[in-house]
Amino acid sequence: MIKLTEKSEIIKVMADLLRQGATLTQLSCPACSSPLFKQNKDIWCVKCQKKVIIVKEGDPEPEEAKAPMFSGLEKTLMTKIQNIEKQLAEENDPEKITKLGDTLSSLLENLEKIRSMKK
């Protein structure tokens, strides 16, 4: 991802988007208040360099808005669970096994919460 720090660079990118067929919307970015552009059915903030999802009041939040928020965390938790599982298989000390079991239980609870929130 390119870091756009100067206004002139951002304006150049906005102009390039318009030349490529993107349209300037009447909406502004909720994070930085820059104008939003629509390109290929997606709405983008040039300054933040992020896709913006528009949800009408009363409508349920679309899946694509929920997924990115939790997918990284879910992946991290799965990695930690696998690491704890390997440690448990090799450990013989009852106290360490208990601590690893508690940690594993906590990780699994958090994973379950995340998955239920994604539904």
Protein backbone atom coordinates (compact mmCIF):
# COMPACT_ATOMS: atom_id res chain seq x y z
CA MET A 1 0.00 0.00 0.00
CA ILE A 2 1.30 3.43 -0.94
CA LYS A 3 1.43 6.07 1.79
CA LEU A 4 -0.16 9.27 0.56
CA THR A 5 0.87 12.09 2.83
CA GLU A 6 0.86 15.24 0.75
CA LYS A 7 -2.33 16.86 -0.50
CA SER A 8 -0.87 17.23 -3.99
CA GLU A 9 -0.26 13.48 -4.22
CA ILE A 10 -3.80 12.73 -3.10
CA ILE A 11 -5.22 15.18 -5.63
CA LYS A 12 -3.15 13.56 -8.40
CA VAL A 13 -4.50 10.12 -7.49
CA MET A 14 -8.06 11.51 -7.43
CA ALA A 15 -7.54 13.00 -10.90
CA ASP A 16 -6.14 9.70 -12.17
CA LEU A 17 -9.18 7.84 -10.83
CA LEU A 18 -11.48 10.24 -12.66
CA ARG A 19 -9.50 9.73 -15.89
CA GLN A 20 -9.86 5.96 -15.43
CA GLY A 21 -13.64 6.27 -15.27
CA ALA A 22 -14.26 6.44 -11.54
CA THR A 23 -16.99 8.79 -10.40
CA LEU A 24 -16.86 11.28 -7.57
CA THR A 25 -19.72 10.66 -5.15
CA GLN A 26 -21.50 13.15 -2.91
CA LEU A 27 -20.36 11.11 0.09
CA SER A 28 -17.36 11.71 2.30
CA CYS A 29 -15.16 9.27 4.18
CA PRO A 30 -16.34 8.66 7.76
CA ALA A 31 -12.72 8.45 8.92
CA CYS A 32 -11.03 11.42 7.20
CA SER A 33 -13.88 13.35 5.49
CA SER A 34 -12.24 13.12 2.04
CA PRO A 35 -14.56 12.70 -0.95
CA LEU A 36 -15.37 9.11 -1.89
CA PHE A 37 -14.99 7.66 -5.38
CA LYS A 38 -17.01 4.89 -6.99
CA GLN A 39 -15.09 2.51 -9.22
CA ASN A 40 -16.32 -0.90 -10.43
CA LYS A 41 -19.26 -0.92 -7.96
CA ASP A 42 -16.87 -0.29 -5.05
CA ILE A 43 -16.64 2.93 -3.08
CA TRP A 44 -13.11 4.01 -2.09
CA CYS A 45 -11.44 6.66 0.01
CA VAL A 46 -8.29 7.79 -1.78
CA LYS A 47 -6.73 9.34 1.30
CA CYS A 48 -7.28 6.31 3.58
CA GLN A 49 -6.84 3.88 0.68
CA LYS A 50 -9.69 1.74 1.97
CA LYS A 51 -12.95 0.42 0.64
CA VAL A 52 -16.01 2.03 2.23
CA ILE A 53 -19.22 0.06 2.68
CA ILE A 54 -22.43 2.08 2.76
CA VAL A 55 -25.19 0.66 4.97
CA LYS A 56 -28.61 2.26 5.09
CA GLU A 57 -30.10 2.83 8.52
CA GLY A 58 -32.15 -0.18 9.60
CA ASP A 59 -30.49 -2.55 7.11
CA PRO A 60 -28.40 -5.42 8.48
CA GLU A 61 -24.64 -5.07 8.20
CA PRO A 62 -23.39 -6.91 5.08
CA GLU A 63 -21.12 -9.94 5.52
CA GLU A 64 -18.25 -8.25 3.70
CA ALA A 65 -18.21 -5.57 6.39
CA LYS A 66 -17.98 -8.12 9.20
CA ALA A 67 -15.51 -10.55 7.68
CA PRO A 68 -12.37 -8.39 7.49
CA MET A 69 -12.83 -7.23 11.04
CA PHE A 70 -12.60 -10.75 12.47
CA SER A 71 -10.74 -12.81 9.88
CA GLY A 72 -7.30 -11.68 11.05
CA LEU A 73 -8.16 -12.24 14.69
CA GLU A 74 -9.67 -15.63 13.93
CA LYS A 75 -6.54 -16.66 12.05
CA THR A 76 -4.32 -15.50 14.94
CA LEU A 77 -6.39 -17.44 17.47
CA MET A 78 -6.21 -20.59 15.34
CA THR A 79 -2.42 -20.27 15.15
CA LYS A 80 -2.19 -19.85 18.93
CA ILE A 81 -4.47 -22.85 19.49
CA GLN A 82 -2.26 -25.00 17.26
CA ASN A 83 0.85 -23.83 19.13
CA ILE A 84 -0.71 -24.65 22.51
CA GLU A 85 -1.77 -28.06 21.17
CA LYS A 86 1.84 -28.84 20.20
CA GLN A 87 3.11 -27.70 23.60
CA LEU A 88 0.51 -29.84 25.38
CA ALA A 89 1.57 -32.92 23.43
CA GLU A 90 5.18 -32.51 24.56
CA GLU A 91 4.60 -31.35 28.16
CA ASN A 92 4.77 -33.70 31.17
CA ASP A 93 4.69 -31.23 34.08
CA PRO A 94 1.12 -31.24 35.54
CA GLU A 95 1.26 -27.53 36.50
CA LYS A 96 2.32 -26.48 33.00
CA ILE A 97 -0.33 -28.77 31.49
CA THR A 98 -2.96 -27.07 33.66
CA LYS A 99 -1.80 -23.59 32.59
CA LEU A 100 -1.73 -24.60 28.93
CA GLY A 101 -5.20 -26.14 29.30
CA ASP A 102 -6.56 -22.93 30.81
CA THR A 103 -5.00 -20.88 28.03
CA LEU A 104 -6.39 -23.25 25.41
CA SER A 105 -9.85 -23.05 26.96
CA SER A 106 -9.74 -19.24 26.90
CA LEU A 107 -8.58 -19.18 23.27
CA LEU A 108 -11.36 -21.58 22.25
CA GLU A 109 -13.99 -19.46 24.03
CA ASN A 110 -12.79 -16.35 22.22
CA LEU A 111 -12.76 -18.17 18.89
CA GLU A 112 -16.34 -19.32 19.49
CA LYS A 113 -17.41 -15.74 20.33
CA ILE A 114 -15.84 -14.39 17.16
CA ARG A 115 -17.47 -17.05 15.01
CA SER A 116 -20.88 -16.40 16.57
CA MET A 117 -20.49 -12.65 15.93
CA LYS A 118 -19.74 -13.31 12.26
CA LYS A 119 -23.10 -15.07 11.81
